[in-house]
Amino acid sequence: MLNTPFEQSHGMTARITITADAYETMLQHARQRLPYEACGALAGPLPGCLQDAAIRITDVYAIPNAAANPVRTFAFSPDAWVDAYYRMQKNRQSLVGFFHSHPTAPPVLSQADLAGLRHSGAETYWILSLAVPDSPSVCVYRLRRGQWLPSMFAQVRV
């Protein structure tokens, strides 16, 4: 289990895991979309299938960026988003997060990101910085007490 100092001092646990395949799929999608922002949804087992409060990400649903200016912003293609959500339900999965890339900027939440997350229903939010495409920087945020806080994650092989 990995915890940030903030989480340790506030009694929070941040058991967030992502399979190596899902992590690589997310990065590959972001690299393929350069110089544009990439985006998508992250899924895992239904909550009843978990043994503890861990968030486990097993699948990535890449969603085309339909923003008017995809170099600087992202917006889910509505039809692709509905299709991805339907596939999650069909595969007995839960939506556990969203991701998008910053082609040239650090992986920091912007005000636009926060506004878009307000009613998203996601538990995690991942930002992938591809300022150095061969060495991406990834930051995951987790919703805790109404705030999106940086968290740590572990990559696992299954």
N, C-alpha and C. Protein backbone atom coordinates (compact mmCIF):
# COMPACT_ATOMS: atom_id res chain seq x y z
N MET A 1 0.85 -1.17 0.00
CA MET A 1 0.00 0.00 0.00
C MET A 1 0.89 1.23 0.00
N LEU A 2 0.58 2.19 -0.85
CA LEU A 2 1.37 3.41 -0.95
C LEU A 2 0.54 4.58 -0.47
N ASN A 3 1.13 5.42 0.36
CA ASN A 3 0.43 6.59 0.88
C ASN A 3 1.30 7.82 0.72
N THR A 4 0.68 8.96 0.42
CA THR A 4 1.40 10.22 0.41
C THR A 4 1.48 10.71 1.85
N PRO A 5 2.43 11.61 2.17
CA PRO A 5 2.50 12.16 3.53
C PRO A 5 1.18 12.80 3.96
N PHE A 6 0.48 13.49 3.04
CA PHE A 6 -0.80 14.10 3.39
C PHE A 6 -1.79 13.05 3.82
N GLU A 7 -1.86 11.97 3.06
CA GLU A 7 -2.81 10.90 3.38
C GLU A 7 -2.46 10.23 4.70
N GLN A 8 -1.18 10.03 4.95
CA GLN A 8 -0.77 9.41 6.21
C GLN A 8 -1.18 10.29 7.39
N SER A 9 -0.98 11.60 7.27
CA SER A 9 -1.29 12.49 8.38
C SER A 9 -2.78 12.69 8.57
N HIS A 10 -3.58 12.36 7.58
CA HIS A 10 -5.03 12.52 7.67
C HIS A 10 -5.76 11.17 7.75
N GLY A 11 -5.01 10.12 7.99
CA GLY A 11 -5.63 8.80 8.18
C GLY A 11 -6.26 8.21 6.94
N MET A 12 -5.78 8.57 5.77
CA MET A 12 -6.36 8.06 4.53
C MET A 12 -5.47 6.96 3.97
N THR A 13 -6.07 6.03 3.30
CA THR A 13 -5.28 5.04 2.56
C THR A 13 -5.54 5.24 1.09
N ALA A 14 -4.52 5.08 0.31
CA ALA A 14 -4.64 5.32 -1.13
C ALA A 14 -4.23 4.07 -1.89
N ARG A 15 -4.95 3.01 -1.70
CA ARG A 15 -4.62 1.79 -2.41
C ARG A 15 -5.19 1.86 -3.81
N ILE A 16 -4.38 2.38 -4.71
CA ILE A 16 -4.77 2.50 -6.10
C ILE A 16 -3.78 1.64 -6.89
N THR A 17 -4.32 0.68 -7.61
CA THR A 17 -3.45 -0.15 -8.45
C THR A 17 -3.98 -0.12 -9.87
N ILE A 18 -3.05 -0.28 -10.79
CA ILE A 18 -3.38 -0.35 -12.21
C ILE A 18 -2.54 -1.48 -12.80
N THR A 19 -3.17 -2.30 -13.60
CA THR A 19 -2.41 -3.39 -14.20
C THR A 19 -1.38 -2.80 -15.17
N ALA A 20 -0.30 -3.52 -15.35
CA ALA A 20 0.75 -3.06 -16.26
C ALA A 20 0.18 -2.90 -17.68
N ASP A 21 -0.69 -3.81 -18.09
CA ASP A 21 -1.29 -3.72 -19.43
C ASP A 21 -2.15 -2.46 -19.57
N ALA A 22 -2.95 -2.18 -18.55
CA ALA A 22 -3.81 -0.99 -18.60
C ALA A 22 -2.96 0.29 -18.62
N TYR A 23 -1.92 0.32 -17.81
CA TYR A 23 -1.04 1.49 -17.74
C TYR A 23 -0.39 1.71 -19.11
N GLU A 24 0.12 0.65 -19.71
CA GLU A 24 0.78 0.77 -21.02
C GLU A 24 -0.21 1.17 -22.10
N THR A 25 -1.44 0.66 -22.04
CA THR A 25 -2.47 1.04 -23.01
C THR A 25 -2.78 2.53 -22.92
N MET A 26 -2.89 3.04 -21.69
CA MET A 26 -3.17 4.45 -21.48
C MET A 26 -2.04 5.32 -22.06
N LEU A 27 -0.78 4.95 -21.77
CA LEU A 27 0.36 5.71 -22.28
C LEU A 27 0.44 5.63 -23.80
N GLN A 28 0.21 4.45 -24.35
CA GLN A 28 0.28 4.26 -25.80
C GLN A 28 -0.77 5.13 -26.50
N HIS A 29 -1.97 5.15 -25.96
CA HIS A 29 -3.03 5.99 -26.54
C HIS A 29 -2.62 7.46 -26.53
N ALA A 30 -2.07 7.92 -25.42
CA ALA A 30 -1.65 9.32 -25.33
C ALA A 30 -0.53 9.63 -26.32
N ARG A 31 0.42 8.74 -26.45
CA ARG A 31 1.52 8.97 -27.41
C ARG A 31 1.02 9.00 -28.85
N GLN A 32 0.07 8.12 -29.17
CA GLN A 32 -0.46 8.06 -30.53
C GLN A 32 -1.22 9.32 -30.91
N ARG A 33 -1.76 10.00 -29.94
CA ARG A 33 -2.57 11.19 -30.22
C ARG A 33 -1.75 12.48 -30.30
N LEU A 34 -0.47 12.43 -29.95
CA LEU A 34 0.36 13.64 -30.04
C LEU A 34 0.27 14.25 -31.42
N PRO A 35 0.17 15.54 -31.57
CA PRO A 35 0.36 16.61 -30.58
C PRO A 35 -0.93 17.01 -29.86
N TYR A 36 -1.97 16.19 -29.99
CA TYR A 36 -3.25 16.51 -29.37
C TYR A 36 -3.38 15.87 -27.99
N GLU A 37 -4.30 16.38 -27.20
CA GLU A 37 -4.62 15.77 -25.91
C GLU A 37 -5.42 14.49 -26.17
N ALA A 38 -5.09 13.47 -25.41
CA ALA A 38 -5.82 12.20 -25.47
C ALA A 38 -6.69 12.12 -24.22
N CYS A 39 -7.73 11.29 -24.28
CA CYS A 39 -8.60 11.16 -23.11
C CYS A 39 -9.28 9.79 -23.11
N GLY A 40 -9.81 9.44 -21.95
CA GLY A 40 -10.49 8.17 -21.85
C GLY A 40 -10.97 7.88 -20.44
N ALA A 41 -11.52 6.70 -20.28
CA ALA A 41 -12.08 6.25 -19.00
C ALA A 41 -11.31 5.02 -18.52
N LEU A 42 -11.31 4.83 -17.20
CA LEU A 42 -10.62 3.71 -16.57
C LEU A 42 -11.65 2.88 -15.81
N ALA A 43 -11.54 1.57 -15.95
CA ALA A 43 -12.53 0.68 -15.34
C ALA A 43 -11.85 -0.40 -14.52
N GLY A 44 -12.62 -0.93 -13.59
CA GLY A 44 -12.15 -2.02 -12.75
C GLY A 44 -13.31 -2.87 -12.30
N PRO A 45 -13.03 -3.87 -11.45
CA PRO A 45 -14.09 -4.76 -10.97
C PRO A 45 -15.20 -4.00 -10.25
N LEU A 46 -16.38 -4.55 -10.31
CA LEU A 46 -17.50 -3.96 -9.56
C LEU A 46 -17.13 -3.89 -8.09
N PRO A 47 -17.60 -2.88 -7.36
CA PRO A 47 -17.24 -2.73 -5.94
C PRO A 47 -17.48 -3.98 -5.11
N GLY A 48 -18.52 -4.72 -5.37
CA GLY A 48 -18.80 -5.92 -4.59
C GLY A 48 -17.77 -7.01 -4.78
N CYS A 49 -16.95 -6.89 -5.85
CA CYS A 49 -15.94 -7.91 -6.13
C CYS A 49 -14.64 -7.65 -5.39
N LEU A 50 -14.52 -6.51 -4.74
CA LEU A 50 -13.28 -6.17 -4.06
C LEU A 50 -13.28 -6.65 -2.62
N GLN A 51 -12.12 -7.02 -2.14
CA GLN A 51 -11.99 -7.49 -0.77
C GLN A 51 -11.80 -6.34 0.21
N ASP A 52 -11.40 -5.17 -0.26
CA ASP A 52 -11.15 -4.02 0.62
C ASP A 52 -11.51 -2.75 -0.14
N ALA A 53 -11.08 -1.62 0.37
CA ALA A 53 -11.44 -0.34 -0.24
C ALA A 53 -10.50 0.05 -1.38
N ALA A 54 -9.74 -0.87 -1.89
CA ALA A 54 -8.78 -0.57 -2.95
C ALA A 54 -9.49 -0.18 -4.24
N ILE A 55 -8.83 0.65 -5.00
CA ILE A 55 -9.28 0.97 -6.35
C ILE A 55 -8.34 0.21 -7.27
N ARG A 56 -8.92 -0.65 -8.08
CA ARG A 56 -8.12 -1.47 -8.98
C ARG A 56 -8.55 -1.18 -10.41
N ILE A 57 -7.59 -0.75 -11.23
CA ILE A 57 -7.86 -0.43 -12.62
C ILE A 57 -7.32 -1.56 -13.49
N THR A 58 -8.22 -2.15 -14.26
CA THR A 58 -7.83 -3.28 -15.10
C THR A 58 -8.01 -3.00 -16.59
N ASP A 59 -8.81 -1.98 -16.93
CA ASP A 59 -9.09 -1.72 -18.34
C ASP A 59 -9.12 -0.23 -18.65
N VAL A 60 -8.69 0.09 -19.86
CA VAL A 60 -8.68 1.47 -20.36
C VAL A 60 -9.62 1.55 -21.55
N TYR A 61 -10.46 2.55 -21.54
CA TYR A 61 -11.37 2.81 -22.65
C TYR A 61 -10.97 4.15 -23.26
N ALA A 62 -10.20 4.09 -24.34
CA ALA A 62 -9.79 5.30 -25.04
C ALA A 62 -11.02 5.91 -25.70
N ILE A 63 -11.15 7.21 -25.56
CA ILE A 63 -12.29 7.92 -26.13
C ILE A 63 -11.76 9.05 -26.99
N PRO A 64 -12.22 9.17 -28.24
CA PRO A 64 -11.72 10.24 -29.10
C PRO A 64 -11.97 11.62 -28.51
N ASN A 65 -11.00 12.50 -28.71
CA ASN A 65 -11.09 13.88 -28.24
C ASN A 65 -11.88 14.68 -29.28
N ALA A 66 -13.04 15.18 -28.88
CA ALA A 66 -13.92 15.93 -29.78
C ALA A 66 -13.86 17.43 -29.53
N ALA A 67 -12.83 17.91 -28.81
CA ALA A 67 -12.71 19.34 -28.50
C ALA A 67 -12.44 20.14 -29.77
N ALA A 68 -12.91 21.37 -29.78
CA ALA A 68 -12.67 22.26 -30.91
C ALA A 68 -11.18 22.56 -31.07
N ASN A 69 -10.45 22.62 -29.96
CA ASN A 69 -9.01 22.87 -29.98
C ASN A 69 -8.30 21.74 -29.24
N PRO A 70 -8.13 20.57 -29.87
CA PRO A 70 -7.59 19.40 -29.17
C PRO A 70 -6.13 19.50 -28.77
N VAL A 71 -5.44 20.55 -29.21
CA VAL A 71 -4.05 20.75 -28.79
C VAL A 71 -4.01 21.23 -27.34
N ARG A 72 -5.05 21.95 -26.91
CA ARG A 72 -5.04 22.57 -25.58
C ARG A 72 -6.14 22.09 -24.64
N THR A 73 -7.14 21.40 -25.19
CA THR A 73 -8.27 20.95 -24.36
C THR A 73 -8.75 19.58 -24.84
N PHE A 74 -9.63 19.01 -24.05
CA PHE A 74 -10.23 17.74 -24.47
C PHE A 74 -11.70 17.74 -24.11
N ALA A 75 -12.44 16.97 -24.88
CA ALA A 75 -13.87 16.73 -24.63
C ALA A 75 -14.17 15.35 -25.19
N PHE A 76 -14.83 14.53 -24.40
CA PHE A 76 -15.19 13.19 -24.87
C PHE A 76 -16.13 13.29 -26.06
N SER A 77 -15.89 12.46 -27.05
CA SER A 77 -16.86 12.27 -28.11
C SER A 77 -18.09 11.64 -27.46
N PRO A 78 -19.26 12.31 -27.53
CA PRO A 78 -20.44 11.79 -26.82
C PRO A 78 -20.81 10.35 -27.18
N ASP A 79 -20.82 10.02 -28.46
CA ASP A 79 -21.18 8.66 -28.87
C ASP A 79 -20.18 7.63 -28.36
N ALA A 80 -18.89 7.97 -28.42
CA ALA A 80 -17.85 7.05 -27.96
C ALA A 80 -17.92 6.87 -26.44
N TRP A 81 -18.26 7.95 -25.72
CA TRP A 81 -18.39 7.86 -24.27
C TRP A 81 -19.55 6.93 -23.89
N VAL A 82 -20.68 7.07 -24.55
CA VAL A 82 -21.83 6.20 -24.28
C VAL A 82 -21.46 4.75 -24.59
N ASP A 83 -20.77 4.53 -25.69
CA ASP A 83 -20.35 3.18 -26.06
C ASP A 83 -19.39 2.60 -25.02
N ALA A 84 -18.42 3.39 -24.57
CA ALA A 84 -17.46 2.91 -23.55
C ALA A 84 -18.18 2.57 -22.25
N TYR A 85 -19.10 3.41 -21.83
CA TYR A 85 -19.82 3.16 -20.59
C TYR A 85 -20.69 1.90 -20.72
N TYR A 86 -21.30 1.72 -21.87
CA TYR A 86 -22.09 0.52 -22.11
C TYR A 86 -21.21 -0.73 -22.03
N ARG A 87 -20.01 -0.67 -22.65
CA ARG A 87 -19.10 -1.82 -22.62
C ARG A 87 -18.66 -2.14 -21.18
N MET A 88 -18.46 -1.10 -20.37
CA MET A 88 -18.11 -1.35 -18.95
C MET A 88 -19.22 -2.12 -18.27
N GLN A 89 -20.44 -1.68 -18.47
CA GLN A 89 -21.59 -2.35 -17.85
C GLN A 89 -21.71 -3.78 -18.35
N LYS A 90 -21.57 -3.97 -19.64
CA LYS A 90 -21.66 -5.30 -20.23
C LYS A 90 -20.58 -6.22 -19.69
N ASN A 91 -19.38 -5.66 -19.41
CA ASN A 91 -18.26 -6.44 -18.88
C ASN A 91 -18.26 -6.51 -17.35
N ARG A 92 -19.35 -6.07 -16.73
CA ARG A 92 -19.49 -6.09 -15.27
C ARG A 92 -18.34 -5.35 -14.58
N GLN A 93 -18.10 -4.12 -15.07
CA GLN A 93 -17.05 -3.27 -14.52
C GLN A 93 -17.65 -1.98 -14.00
N SER A 94 -16.86 -1.33 -13.15
CA SER A 94 -17.22 -0.01 -12.63
C SER A 94 -16.32 1.05 -13.25
N LEU A 95 -16.87 2.23 -13.44
CA LEU A 95 -16.06 3.38 -13.81
C LEU A 95 -15.28 3.79 -12.57
N VAL A 96 -13.97 3.79 -12.65
CA VAL A 96 -13.16 4.17 -11.48
C VAL A 96 -12.27 5.37 -11.75
N GLY A 97 -12.26 5.86 -12.98
CA GLY A 97 -11.44 7.03 -13.23
C GLY A 97 -11.51 7.51 -14.66
N PHE A 98 -10.92 8.69 -14.84
CA PHE A 98 -10.76 9.28 -16.16
C PHE A 98 -9.29 9.65 -16.33
N PHE A 99 -8.87 9.80 -17.56
CA PHE A 99 -7.52 10.28 -17.81
C PHE A 99 -7.53 11.21 -19.00
N HIS A 100 -6.53 12.07 -19.03
CA HIS A 100 -6.23 12.83 -20.24
C HIS A 100 -4.76 13.20 -20.21
N SER A 101 -4.26 13.60 -21.37
CA SER A 101 -2.85 13.91 -21.48
C SER A 101 -2.62 15.41 -21.65
N HIS A 102 -1.44 15.83 -21.22
CA HIS A 102 -0.94 17.17 -21.48
C HIS A 102 0.27 16.99 -22.40
N PRO A 103 0.12 17.30 -23.68
CA PRO A 103 1.22 17.05 -24.62
C PRO A 103 2.52 17.78 -24.28
N THR A 104 2.43 18.98 -23.71
CA THR A 104 3.65 19.76 -23.44
C THR A 104 3.73 20.32 -22.03
N ALA A 105 2.72 20.09 -21.22
CA ALA A 105 2.66 20.69 -19.88
C ALA A 105 2.81 19.62 -18.80
N PRO A 106 3.12 20.04 -17.57
CA PRO A 106 3.22 19.08 -16.47
C PRO A 106 1.85 18.49 -16.12
N PRO A 107 1.83 17.37 -15.38
CA PRO A 107 0.56 16.69 -15.06
C PRO A 107 -0.15 17.30 -13.85
N VAL A 108 -0.54 18.55 -13.99
CA VAL A 108 -1.16 19.30 -12.89
C VAL A 108 -2.60 19.61 -13.25
N LEU A 109 -3.50 19.47 -12.28
CA LEU A 109 -4.92 19.79 -12.49
C LEU A 109 -5.09 21.28 -12.78
N SER A 110 -5.84 21.59 -13.81
CA SER A 110 -6.16 22.98 -14.13
C SER A 110 -7.55 23.31 -13.58
N GLN A 111 -7.91 24.56 -13.62
CA GLN A 111 -9.26 24.96 -13.21
C GLN A 111 -10.30 24.33 -14.12
N ALA A 112 -9.98 24.21 -15.41
CA ALA A 112 -10.91 23.56 -16.34
C ALA A 112 -11.09 22.09 -15.99
N ASP A 113 -10.00 21.41 -15.60
CA ASP A 113 -10.10 20.01 -15.18
C ASP A 113 -11.02 19.89 -13.97
N LEU A 114 -10.80 20.74 -12.99
CA LEU A 114 -11.61 20.69 -11.76
C LEU A 114 -13.08 20.95 -12.06
N ALA A 115 -13.35 21.90 -12.95
CA ALA A 115 -14.75 22.20 -13.31
C ALA A 115 -15.39 20.99 -13.98
N GLY A 116 -14.65 20.30 -14.84
CA GLY A 116 -15.18 19.14 -15.53
C GLY A 116 -15.38 17.94 -14.62
N LEU A 117 -14.62 17.89 -13.54
CA LEU A 117 -14.70 16.76 -12.61
C LEU A 117 -15.82 16.89 -11.59
N ARG A 118 -16.38 18.07 -11.47
CA ARG A 118 -17.33 18.37 -10.40
C ARG A 118 -18.41 17.30 -10.23
N HIS A 119 -18.99 16.84 -11.29
CA HIS A 119 -20.07 15.86 -11.21
C HIS A 119 -19.76 14.61 -12.03
N SER A 120 -18.51 14.25 -12.09
CA SER A 120 -18.09 13.16 -12.98
C SER A 120 -18.41 11.76 -12.45
N GLY A 121 -18.45 11.60 -11.14
CA GLY A 121 -18.68 10.28 -10.57
C GLY A 121 -17.44 9.41 -10.52
N ALA A 122 -16.31 9.94 -10.94
CA ALA A 122 -15.06 9.18 -10.93
C ALA A 122 -14.39 9.26 -9.57
N GLU A 123 -13.65 8.21 -9.23
CA GLU A 123 -12.89 8.20 -7.98
C GLU A 123 -11.45 8.62 -8.17
N THR A 124 -10.94 8.45 -9.39
CA THR A 124 -9.57 8.85 -9.68
C THR A 124 -9.52 9.64 -10.98
N TYR A 125 -8.49 10.47 -11.09
CA TYR A 125 -8.30 11.28 -12.28
C TYR A 125 -6.80 11.28 -12.58
N TRP A 126 -6.46 10.86 -13.75
CA TRP A 126 -5.06 10.68 -14.14
C TRP A 126 -4.68 11.70 -15.20
N ILE A 127 -3.53 12.34 -15.02
CA ILE A 127 -3.01 13.26 -16.03
C ILE A 127 -1.64 12.75 -16.44
N LEU A 128 -1.46 12.59 -17.73
CA LEU A 128 -0.21 12.10 -18.29
C LEU A 128 0.48 13.25 -19.01
N SER A 129 1.67 13.62 -18.56
CA SER A 129 2.44 14.65 -19.24
C SER A 129 3.37 13.97 -20.24
N LEU A 130 3.29 14.40 -21.49
CA LEU A 130 4.15 13.87 -22.53
C LEU A 130 5.13 14.93 -23.02
N ALA A 131 5.49 15.86 -22.13
CA ALA A 131 6.48 16.86 -22.48
C ALA A 131 7.77 16.18 -22.95
N VAL A 132 8.08 15.03 -22.37
CA VAL A 132 9.18 14.17 -22.82
C VAL A 132 8.52 12.83 -23.17
N PRO A 133 8.13 12.63 -24.42
CA PRO A 133 7.32 11.46 -24.79
C PRO A 133 7.90 10.11 -24.39
N ASP A 134 9.22 9.97 -24.42
CA ASP A 134 9.83 8.69 -24.05
C ASP A 134 9.92 8.48 -22.54
N SER A 135 9.63 9.53 -21.79
CA SER A 135 9.67 9.44 -20.33
C SER A 135 8.49 10.21 -19.75
N PRO A 136 7.28 9.69 -19.92
CA PRO A 136 6.09 10.42 -19.46
C PRO A 136 6.05 10.56 -17.95
N SER A 137 5.39 11.61 -17.53
CA SER A 137 5.17 11.85 -16.10
C SER A 137 3.68 11.70 -15.85
N VAL A 138 3.32 10.88 -14.87
CA VAL A 138 1.92 10.59 -14.59
C VAL A 138 1.59 10.99 -13.17
N CYS A 139 0.49 11.69 -13.01
CA CYS A 139 0.01 12.05 -11.67
C CYS A 139 -1.43 11.60 -11.55
N VAL A 140 -1.74 10.94 -10.45
CA VAL A 140 -3.11 10.50 -10.20
C VAL A 140 -3.67 11.30 -9.02
N TYR A 141 -4.91 11.71 -9.16
CA TYR A 141 -5.62 12.45 -8.13
C TYR A 141 -6.79 11.59 -7.68
N ARG A 142 -7.08 11.66 -6.38
CA ARG A 142 -8.19 10.89 -5.83
C ARG A 142 -9.13 11.83 -5.07
N LEU A 143 -10.42 11.63 -5.25
CA LEU A 143 -11.41 12.46 -4.59
C LEU A 143 -11.52 12.05 -3.13
N ARG A 144 -11.23 12.99 -2.24
CA ARG A 144 -11.30 12.77 -0.80
C ARG A 144 -11.92 13.99 -0.14
N ARG A 145 -13.04 13.76 0.54
CA ARG A 145 -13.73 14.84 1.27
C ARG A 145 -13.97 16.07 0.39
N GLY A 146 -14.39 15.80 -0.84
CA GLY A 146 -14.73 16.88 -1.75
C GLY A 146 -13.57 17.55 -2.44
N GLN A 147 -12.34 17.05 -2.25
CA GLN A 147 -11.17 17.65 -2.89
C GLN A 147 -10.42 16.60 -3.68
N TRP A 148 -9.84 17.01 -4.79
CA TRP A 148 -9.00 16.13 -5.59
C TRP A 148 -7.57 16.27 -5.09
N LEU A 149 -7.06 15.22 -4.46
CA LEU A 149 -5.73 15.25 -3.85
C LEU A 149 -4.77 14.32 -4.59
N PRO A 150 -3.52 14.75 -4.75
CA PRO A 150 -2.54 13.86 -5.38
C PRO A 150 -2.40 12.57 -4.57
N SER A 151 -2.30 11.46 -5.26
CA SER A 151 -2.17 10.16 -4.62
C SER A 151 -1.09 9.36 -5.33
N MET A 152 -0.69 8.29 -4.69
CA MET A 152 0.28 7.39 -5.29
C MET A 152 -0.47 6.18 -5.82
N PHE A 153 0.17 5.49 -6.75
CA PHE A 153 -0.43 4.28 -7.30
C PHE A 153 0.67 3.24 -7.48
N ALA A 154 0.25 2.02 -7.63
CA ALA A 154 1.19 0.94 -7.90
C ALA A 154 0.78 0.24 -9.18
N GLN A 155 1.78 -0.12 -9.97
CA GLN A 155 1.55 -0.90 -11.17
C GLN A 155 1.68 -2.36 -10.80
N VAL A 156 0.76 -3.18 -11.21
CA VAL A 156 0.82 -4.60 -10.86
C VAL A 156 0.75 -5.45 -12.12
N ARG A 157 1.40 -6.57 -12.06
CA ARG A 157 1.31 -7.56 -13.15
C ARG A 157 0.38 -8.67 -12.69
N VAL A 158 -0.53 -9.06 -13.59
CA VAL A 158 -1.43 -10.16 -13.27
C VAL A 158 -1.30 -11.27 -14.27
